[in-house]
Amino acid sequence: MRPGKNARVRAAAAALLRKARIAVTPAELEAMEVADMGLGDVRHVGLELIVYENNDRYCAKELILLPRQMCPEHRHPRLDGRREHAPRPVAATESAPPLRPGSCGAESCRPPA
């Protein structure tokens, strides 16, 4: 993702946090993660998150969705016995259709108006 686009997405997520009166520090905003799930369309498919704590017993995070943005079903595969932090779309099954770049532009993938 381009750095400028990432900054705009972060700014939009920060505005939503302010509107919801969720207090975050400048350092937490700077560390905000922007996940496009590898699909390259973060304005429609993705997630912004601030991680406060993430260990083997629990995690504490702010998960932010922009207006009209959706987060597809995904999983965090284990790597070397630990969960990977970057989410990956779920492989195609009977309950989860395949995700591919550009597929979420279809009417069936868009959130309701």
Protein backbone atom coordinates (compact mmCIF):
# COMPACT_ATOMS: atom_id res chain seq x y z
CA MET A 1 0.00 0.00 0.00
CA ARG A 2 1.29 3.47 -0.81
CA PRO A 3 2.48 5.52 2.21
CA GLY A 4 0.13 8.41 1.36
CA LYS A 5 -2.90 6.15 1.21
CA ASN A 6 -1.87 4.55 4.50
CA ALA A 7 -1.69 8.01 6.13
CA ARG A 8 -5.17 8.93 4.85
CA VAL A 9 -6.64 5.68 6.17
CA ARG A 10 -4.97 6.22 9.56
CA ALA A 11 -6.32 9.78 9.71
CA ALA A 12 -9.85 8.57 8.93
CA ALA A 13 -9.59 5.88 11.62
CA ALA A 14 -8.25 8.42 14.14
CA ALA A 15 -11.22 10.68 13.39
CA LEU A 16 -13.60 7.80 14.11
CA LEU A 17 -11.86 7.13 17.43
CA ARG A 18 -12.21 10.82 18.38
CA LYS A 19 -15.88 10.81 17.37
CA ALA A 20 -16.45 7.72 19.54
CA ARG A 21 -14.55 9.46 22.40
CA ILE A 22 -11.97 6.68 22.60
CA ALA A 23 -8.79 8.15 24.03
CA VAL A 24 -5.55 7.06 22.38
CA THR A 25 -2.08 8.50 22.66
CA PRO A 26 -0.10 9.95 19.73
CA ALA A 27 2.26 6.95 20.02
CA GLU A 28 -0.69 4.54 19.74
CA LEU A 29 -1.96 6.38 16.65
CA GLU A 30 1.52 6.23 15.13
CA ALA A 31 1.68 2.48 15.78
CA MET A 32 -1.79 1.87 14.26
CA GLU A 33 -1.75 -1.06 11.85
CA VAL A 34 -3.57 -0.86 8.53
CA ALA A 35 -4.44 -4.30 7.14
CA ASP A 36 -5.70 -4.63 3.57
CA MET A 37 -5.79 -8.44 3.82
CA GLY A 38 -3.46 -8.59 0.83
CA LEU A 39 -6.23 -7.45 -1.52
CA GLY A 40 -5.03 -3.88 -2.14
CA ASP A 41 -8.46 -2.25 -1.61
CA VAL A 42 -8.28 -1.05 2.00
CA ARG A 43 -11.07 1.52 1.58
CA HIS A 44 -13.51 -1.35 0.97
CA VAL A 45 -11.83 -4.43 2.46
CA GLY A 46 -9.57 -4.14 5.46
CA LEU A 47 -9.16 -3.22 9.08
CA GLU A 48 -7.32 -0.66 11.16
CA LEU A 49 -6.16 -1.70 14.60
CA ILE A 50 -4.29 -0.49 17.63
CA VAL A 51 -2.69 -3.26 19.68
CA TYR A 52 -2.35 -2.56 23.40
CA GLU A 53 -1.40 -6.10 24.45
CA ASN A 54 -1.08 -9.38 22.56
CA ASN A 55 0.29 -12.43 24.32
CA ASP A 56 -0.46 -16.14 24.63
CA ARG A 57 -3.23 -15.61 27.20
CA TYR A 58 -5.14 -12.55 25.95
CA CYS A 59 -5.08 -9.56 23.67
CA ALA A 60 -6.39 -6.00 23.96
CA LYS A 61 -6.99 -4.14 20.71
CA GLU A 62 -9.07 -1.39 19.16
CA LEU A 63 -10.48 -2.66 15.86
CA ILE A 64 -11.64 0.12 13.55
CA LEU A 65 -13.70 -0.25 10.39
CA LEU A 66 -14.16 2.79 8.18
CA PRO A 67 -17.63 3.56 6.81
CA ARG A 68 -18.50 1.07 4.03
CA GLN A 69 -15.39 -1.01 4.87
CA MET A 70 -15.68 -4.71 5.66
CA CYS A 71 -13.32 -7.22 7.19
CA PRO A 72 -13.55 -10.62 5.46
CA GLU A 73 -13.49 -13.89 7.32
CA HIS A 74 -9.84 -14.68 7.94
CA ARG A 75 -7.51 -16.65 10.17
CA HIS A 76 -4.12 -16.21 11.77
CA PRO A 77 -2.03 -19.29 10.92
CA ARG A 78 0.54 -20.60 13.37
CA LEU A 79 4.20 -20.01 12.54
CA ASP A 80 6.83 -21.71 14.70
CA GLY A 81 4.18 -22.51 17.31
CA ARG A 82 3.00 -18.90 17.57
CA ARG A 83 0.16 -17.07 15.90
CA GLU A 84 1.12 -14.88 12.98
CA HIS A 85 0.06 -11.25 13.51
CA ALA A 86 -0.89 -10.47 9.92
CA PRO A 87 -4.32 -11.87 9.06
CA ARG A 88 -4.80 -13.83 5.85
CA PRO A 89 -8.09 -14.43 4.02
CA VAL A 90 -9.62 -17.84 4.64
CA ALA A 91 -9.08 -20.45 1.93
CA ALA A 92 -12.17 -21.36 -0.09
CA THR A 93 -14.54 -23.81 1.59
CA GLU A 94 -18.25 -24.46 1.27
CA SER A 95 -18.88 -21.64 3.76
CA ALA A 96 -16.23 -19.19 2.54
CA PRO A 97 -15.97 -18.33 -1.15
CA PRO A 98 -12.51 -17.63 -2.56
CA LEU A 99 -11.15 -14.12 -2.18
CA ARG A 100 -9.11 -12.71 -5.01
CA PRO A 101 -8.03 -9.18 -5.94
CA GLY A 102 -10.92 -7.28 -7.44
CA SER A 103 -13.54 -9.83 -6.37
CA CYS A 104 -14.92 -7.59 -3.66
CA GLY A 105 -15.94 -4.97 -6.21
CA ALA A 106 -18.90 -7.16 -7.14
CA GLU A 107 -22.35 -6.18 -5.89
CA SER A 108 -22.57 -9.42 -3.87
CA CYS A 109 -19.52 -8.35 -1.81
CA ARG A 110 -20.59 -4.80 -1.06
CA PRO A 111 -22.11 -3.90 2.31
CA PRO A 112 -25.78 -2.85 2.21
CA ALA A 113 -26.53 0.78 1.38
